[in-house]
Amino acid sequence: MERINAETIAGIALVFLALVFIFAATMNEVWAIILPADYLILALGFAFIALGVITTRNNRKHYHKESTHH
């Protein structure tokens, strides 16, 4: 059973990156030009987090133990 998967980690990283970019947009006019792309990155991050949560729930619901026979 896994507690956190790669989709969730990628989503958290994208959300953090988007928040850093949005903060940079408040400080610099050049970064403010690409602000819509920052919100897109933020939305993708939340989508990856949701995908990771759904995948983890699905794996827990249909958990099967792999057996090895020699």
N, C-alpha and C. Protein backbone atom coordinates (compact mmCIF):
# COMPACT_ATOMS: atom_id res chain seq x y z
N MET A 1 0.84 -1.18 0.00
CA MET A 1 0.00 0.00 0.00
C MET A 1 0.88 1.24 0.00
N GLU A 2 0.51 2.20 -0.80
CA GLU A 2 1.30 3.41 -0.89
C GLU A 2 0.52 4.58 -0.31
N ARG A 3 1.22 5.49 0.30
CA ARG A 3 0.58 6.65 0.89
C ARG A 3 0.58 7.83 -0.06
N ILE A 4 1.65 7.98 -0.82
CA ILE A 4 1.77 9.09 -1.75
C ILE A 4 2.42 8.53 -3.01
N ASN A 5 1.97 9.02 -4.15
CA ASN A 5 2.51 8.49 -5.40
C ASN A 5 3.15 9.62 -6.21
N ALA A 6 3.67 9.28 -7.35
CA ALA A 6 4.43 10.23 -8.17
C ALA A 6 3.54 11.36 -8.69
N GLU A 7 2.28 11.07 -8.99
CA GLU A 7 1.39 12.12 -9.47
C GLU A 7 1.18 13.20 -8.42
N THR A 8 1.03 12.78 -7.17
CA THR A 8 0.83 13.73 -6.09
C THR A 8 2.08 14.58 -5.87
N ILE A 9 3.24 13.95 -5.91
CA ILE A 9 4.49 14.68 -5.74
C ILE A 9 4.70 15.68 -6.87
N ALA A 10 4.41 15.26 -8.10
CA ALA A 10 4.53 16.18 -9.24
C ALA A 10 3.56 17.33 -9.11
N GLY A 11 2.36 17.07 -8.64
CA GLY A 11 1.37 18.11 -8.45
C GLY A 11 1.79 19.13 -7.40
N ILE A 12 2.34 18.65 -6.30
CA ILE A 12 2.82 19.55 -5.25
C ILE A 12 3.96 20.41 -5.77
N ALA A 13 4.85 19.81 -6.54
CA ALA A 13 5.97 20.57 -7.12
C ALA A 13 5.47 21.64 -8.09
N LEU A 14 4.47 21.31 -8.91
CA LEU A 14 3.94 22.28 -9.86
C LEU A 14 3.20 23.41 -9.15
N VAL A 15 2.47 23.10 -8.10
CA VAL A 15 1.78 24.14 -7.34
C VAL A 15 2.80 25.08 -6.71
N PHE A 16 3.84 24.52 -6.12
CA PHE A 16 4.89 25.35 -5.51
C PHE A 16 5.56 26.22 -6.55
N LEU A 17 5.88 25.65 -7.70
CA LEU A 17 6.52 26.40 -8.78
C LEU A 17 5.61 27.53 -9.27
N ALA A 18 4.32 27.25 -9.43
CA ALA A 18 3.38 28.27 -9.87
C ALA A 18 3.26 29.40 -8.85
N LEU A 19 3.25 29.05 -7.57
CA LEU A 19 3.18 30.09 -6.54
C LEU A 19 4.42 30.97 -6.54
N VAL A 20 5.57 30.37 -6.78
CA VAL A 20 6.80 31.16 -6.89
C VAL A 20 6.74 32.08 -8.10
N PHE A 21 6.24 31.57 -9.22
CA PHE A 21 6.12 32.39 -10.42
C PHE A 21 5.11 33.52 -10.22
N ILE A 22 4.01 33.24 -9.55
CA ILE A 22 3.00 34.28 -9.29
C ILE A 22 3.59 35.35 -8.37
N PHE A 23 4.34 34.94 -7.38
CA PHE A 23 5.01 35.91 -6.51
C PHE A 23 6.01 36.75 -7.31
N ALA A 24 6.73 36.12 -8.22
CA ALA A 24 7.68 36.86 -9.06
C ALA A 24 6.94 37.84 -9.97
N ALA A 25 5.75 37.49 -10.38
CA ALA A 25 4.96 38.38 -11.24
C ALA A 25 4.53 39.63 -10.49
N THR A 26 4.39 39.53 -9.19
CA THR A 26 4.04 40.72 -8.41
C THR A 26 5.22 41.66 -8.26
N MET A 27 6.44 41.14 -8.45
CA MET A 27 7.64 41.95 -8.25
C MET A 27 8.22 42.51 -9.56
N ASN A 28 7.90 41.89 -10.69
CA ASN A 28 8.56 42.24 -11.94
C ASN A 28 7.51 42.35 -13.05
N GLU A 29 7.63 43.38 -13.86
CA GLU A 29 6.66 43.58 -14.94
C GLU A 29 6.78 42.53 -16.04
N VAL A 30 7.99 42.06 -16.30
CA VAL A 30 8.18 41.06 -17.35
C VAL A 30 7.51 39.74 -16.94
N TRP A 31 7.63 39.37 -15.69
CA TRP A 31 6.97 38.16 -15.21
C TRP A 31 5.46 38.32 -15.20
N ALA A 32 4.98 39.54 -15.04
CA ALA A 32 3.54 39.78 -15.02
C ALA A 32 2.91 39.52 -16.39
N ILE A 33 3.70 39.61 -17.44
CA ILE A 33 3.18 39.34 -18.78
C ILE A 33 2.75 37.89 -18.91
N ILE A 34 3.48 36.99 -18.29
CA ILE A 34 3.18 35.56 -18.42
C ILE A 34 2.33 35.03 -17.26
N LEU A 35 1.63 35.93 -16.58
CA LEU A 35 0.79 35.52 -15.45
C LEU A 35 -0.28 34.49 -15.82
N PRO A 36 -0.93 34.58 -16.99
CA PRO A 36 -1.90 33.52 -17.33
C PRO A 36 -1.27 32.12 -17.41
N ALA A 37 -0.03 32.05 -17.86
CA ALA A 37 0.65 30.76 -17.91
C ALA A 37 0.92 30.24 -16.50
N ASP A 38 1.16 31.15 -15.57
CA ASP A 38 1.38 30.73 -14.19
C ASP A 38 0.12 30.11 -13.60
N TYR A 39 -1.03 30.70 -13.93
CA TYR A 39 -2.28 30.12 -13.45
C TYR A 39 -2.56 28.77 -14.12
N LEU A 40 -2.13 28.61 -15.34
CA LEU A 40 -2.27 27.32 -16.01
C LEU A 40 -1.40 26.26 -15.32
N ILE A 41 -0.18 26.63 -14.95
CA ILE A 41 0.69 25.71 -14.21
C ILE A 41 0.06 25.35 -12.87
N LEU A 42 -0.54 26.34 -12.21
CA LEU A 42 -1.21 26.08 -10.94
C LEU A 42 -2.37 25.10 -11.11
N ALA A 43 -3.15 25.29 -12.16
CA ALA A 43 -4.27 24.38 -12.42
C ALA A 43 -3.78 22.97 -12.74
N LEU A 44 -2.71 22.88 -13.50
CA LEU A 44 -2.14 21.55 -13.79
C LEU A 44 -1.64 20.87 -12.52
N GLY A 45 -1.06 21.66 -11.64
CA GLY A 45 -0.60 21.10 -10.36
C GLY A 45 -1.75 20.52 -9.55
N PHE A 46 -2.85 21.28 -9.46
CA PHE A 46 -4.02 20.77 -8.74
C PHE A 46 -4.61 19.55 -9.43
N ALA A 47 -4.56 19.53 -10.75
CA ALA A 47 -5.08 18.36 -11.49
C ALA A 47 -4.22 17.12 -11.20
N PHE A 48 -2.91 17.30 -11.15
CA PHE A 48 -2.04 16.16 -10.82
C PHE A 48 -2.27 15.68 -9.40
N ILE A 49 -2.48 16.60 -8.47
CA ILE A 49 -2.77 16.20 -7.10
C ILE A 49 -4.07 15.40 -7.05
N ALA A 50 -5.09 15.87 -7.75
CA ALA A 50 -6.37 15.15 -7.78
C ALA A 50 -6.20 13.77 -8.40
N LEU A 51 -5.44 13.70 -9.49
CA LEU A 51 -5.18 12.41 -10.12
C LEU A 51 -4.46 11.45 -9.17
N GLY A 52 -3.50 11.97 -8.44
CA GLY A 52 -2.78 11.14 -7.48
C GLY A 52 -3.66 10.63 -6.37
N VAL A 53 -4.55 11.49 -5.87
CA VAL A 53 -5.46 11.07 -4.80
C VAL A 53 -6.43 10.01 -5.32
N ILE A 54 -6.97 10.21 -6.51
CA ILE A 54 -7.89 9.23 -7.09
C ILE A 54 -7.19 7.90 -7.32
N THR A 55 -5.96 7.95 -7.84
CA THR A 55 -5.21 6.72 -8.08
C THR A 55 -4.91 5.98 -6.78
N THR A 56 -4.54 6.73 -5.75
CA THR A 56 -4.25 6.10 -4.46
C THR A 56 -5.51 5.47 -3.88
N ARG A 57 -6.63 6.16 -3.95
CA ARG A 57 -7.88 5.58 -3.45
C ARG A 57 -8.26 4.32 -4.22
N ASN A 58 -8.07 4.37 -5.55
CA ASN A 58 -8.40 3.21 -6.37
C ASN A 58 -7.49 2.03 -6.03
N ASN A 59 -6.21 2.30 -5.81
CA ASN A 59 -5.29 1.22 -5.46
C ASN A 59 -5.61 0.63 -4.09
N ARG A 60 -6.04 1.46 -3.16
CA ARG A 60 -6.40 0.94 -1.83
C ARG A 60 -7.67 0.12 -1.88
N LYS A 61 -8.61 0.52 -2.73
CA LYS A 61 -9.87 -0.19 -2.82
C LYS A 61 -9.70 -1.56 -3.46
N HIS A 62 -8.83 -1.64 -4.46
CA HIS A 62 -8.61 -2.88 -5.19
C HIS A 62 -7.23 -3.44 -4.89
N TYR A 63 -6.86 -3.44 -3.61
CA TYR A 63 -5.55 -3.92 -3.20
C TYR A 63 -5.48 -5.42 -3.34
N HIS A 64 -4.43 -5.91 -3.98
CA HIS A 64 -4.23 -7.34 -4.07
C HIS A 64 -2.76 -7.63 -3.77
N LYS A 65 -2.55 -8.65 -2.97
CA LYS A 65 -1.19 -9.00 -2.59
C LYS A 65 -0.63 -9.95 -3.63
N GLU A 66 0.53 -9.58 -4.12
CA GLU A 66 1.18 -10.44 -5.12
C GLU A 66 1.89 -11.58 -4.39
N SER A 67 1.61 -12.77 -4.82
CA SER A 67 2.25 -13.92 -4.22
C SER A 67 3.31 -14.48 -5.17
N THR A 68 4.33 -14.97 -4.60
CA THR A 68 5.40 -15.57 -5.41
C THR A 68 5.46 -17.06 -5.09
N HIS A 69 5.48 -17.83 -6.14
CA HIS A 69 5.60 -19.27 -5.99
C HIS A 69 6.85 -19.72 -6.72
N HIS A 70 7.69 -20.44 -6.03
CA HIS A 70 8.94 -20.93 -6.64
C HIS A 70 8.86 -22.40 -6.89
